[in-house]
């Protein structure tokens, strides 16, 4: 077994935890709205989409 050193407060790339992403509260409302939109989009795909009529041979 190979022993690995781990420095507290660092991420997988050796960066400080605060440098890896946004703070938990940053842009929270936008993140919630985007997650809701994505959930609604997936529900629509699951339930079936509106099929637009087309005529064969027309361009």
C-alpha atoms as a PDB file:
ATOM      1  CA  UNK A   1       0.000   0.000   0.000  1.00  0.00           C
ATOM      2  CA  UNK A   2       1.252   3.445  -0.904  1.00  0.00           C
ATOM      3  CA  UNK A   3       0.785   6.142   1.699  1.00  0.00           C
ATOM      4  CA  UNK A   4      -0.446   9.457   0.372  1.00  0.00           C
ATOM      5  CA  UNK A   5      -0.112  12.761   2.107  1.00  0.00           C
ATOM      6  CA  UNK A   6      -3.245  14.828   2.440  1.00  0.00           C
ATOM      7  CA  UNK A   7      -3.205  18.508   3.264  1.00  0.00           C
ATOM      8  CA  UNK A   8      -6.321  19.699   5.043  1.00  0.00           C
ATOM      9  CA  UNK A   9      -8.311  22.271   3.126  1.00  0.00           C
ATOM     10  CA  UNK A  10      -7.136  21.307  -0.351  1.00  0.00           C
ATOM     11  CA  UNK A  11      -9.052  19.773  -3.228  1.00  0.00           C
ATOM     12  CA  UNK A  12      -8.147  17.055  -5.691  1.00  0.00           C
ATOM     13  CA  UNK A  13      -5.970  19.419  -7.731  1.00  0.00           C
ATOM     14  CA  UNK A  14      -4.141  20.806  -4.707  1.00  0.00           C
ATOM     15  CA  UNK A  15      -6.169  24.014  -4.748  1.00  0.00           C
ATOM     16  CA  UNK A  16      -7.701  25.554  -1.684  1.00  0.00           C
ATOM     17  CA  UNK A  17     -11.327  24.569  -1.175  1.00  0.00           C
ATOM     18  CA  UNK A  18     -12.515  28.137  -1.722  1.00  0.00           C
ATOM     19  CA  UNK A  19     -10.836  28.269  -5.167  1.00  0.00           C
ATOM     20  CA  UNK A  20     -12.631  25.184  -6.531  1.00  0.00           C
ATOM     21  CA  UNK A  21     -16.042  26.761  -7.063  1.00  0.00           C
ATOM     22  CA  UNK A  22     -18.605  29.260  -5.995  1.00  0.00           C
ATOM     23  CA  UNK A  23     -19.461  29.749  -2.345  1.00  0.00           C
ATOM     24  CA  UNK A  24     -22.658  27.830  -1.481  1.00  0.00           C
ATOM     25  CA  UNK A  25     -24.833  30.959  -1.347  1.00  0.00           C
ATOM     26  CA  UNK A  26     -23.552  32.669  -4.498  1.00  0.00           C
ATOM     27  CA  UNK A  27     -26.243  32.965  -7.179  1.00  0.00           C
ATOM     28  CA  UNK A  28     -28.476  30.574  -5.220  1.00  0.00           C
ATOM     29  CA  UNK A  29     -31.779  31.815  -6.693  1.00  0.00           C
ATOM     30  CA  UNK A  30     -30.450  31.479 -10.241  1.00  0.00           C
ATOM     31  CA  UNK A  31     -29.176  27.963  -9.533  1.00  0.00           C
ATOM     32  CA  UNK A  32     -32.552  26.907  -8.108  1.00  0.00           C
ATOM     33  CA  UNK A  33     -34.393  28.384 -11.109  1.00  0.00           C
ATOM     34  CA  UNK A  34     -32.071  26.594 -13.539  1.00  0.00           C
ATOM     35  CA  UNK A  35     -32.516  23.275 -11.714  1.00  0.00           C
ATOM     36  CA  UNK A  36     -36.309  23.706 -11.863  1.00  0.00           C
ATOM     37  CA  UNK A  37     -36.180  24.528 -15.583  1.00  0.00           C
ATOM     38  CA  UNK A  38     -34.044  21.432 -16.241  1.00  0.00           C
ATOM     39  CA  UNK A  39     -36.428  19.250 -14.217  1.00  0.00           C
ATOM     40  CA  UNK A  40     -39.418  20.585 -16.166  1.00  0.00           C
ATOM     41  CA  UNK A  41     -37.570  20.013 -19.449  1.00  0.00           C
ATOM     42  CA  UNK A  42     -36.801  16.387 -18.548  1.00  0.00           C
ATOM     43  CA  UNK A  43     -40.436  15.847 -17.520  1.00  0.00           C
ATOM     44  CA  UNK A  44     -41.577  17.170 -20.905  1.00  0.00           C
ATOM     45  CA  UNK A  45     -39.187  14.826 -22.707  1.00  0.00           C
ATOM     46  CA  UNK A  46     -40.402  11.882 -20.649  1.00  0.00           C
ATOM     47  CA  UNK A  47     -44.067  12.683 -21.240  1.00  0.00           C
ATOM     48  CA  UNK A  48     -43.645  13.287 -24.948  1.00  0.00           C
ATOM     49  CA  UNK A  49     -43.195  16.420 -26.952  1.00  0.00           C
ATOM     50  CA  UNK A  50     -45.473  18.338 -29.279  1.00  0.00           C
ATOM     51  CA  UNK A  51     -45.030  16.999 -32.804  1.00  0.00           C
ATOM     52  CA  UNK A  52     -45.096  19.623 -35.520  1.00  0.00           C
ATOM     53  CA  UNK A  53     -46.876  18.644 -38.726  1.00  0.00           C
ATOM     54  CA  UNK A  54     -44.881  18.615 -41.958  1.00  0.00           C
ATOM     55  CA  UNK A  55     -45.540  17.696 -45.542  1.00  0.00           C
ATOM     56  CA  UNK A  56     -43.336  15.106 -47.193  1.00  0.00           C
ATOM     57  CA  UNK A  57     -41.318  16.407 -50.110  1.00  0.00           C
ATOM     58  CA  UNK A  58     -41.456  20.119 -49.217  1.00  0.00           C
ATOM     59  CA  UNK A  59     -38.352  22.064 -48.362  1.00  0.00           C
END
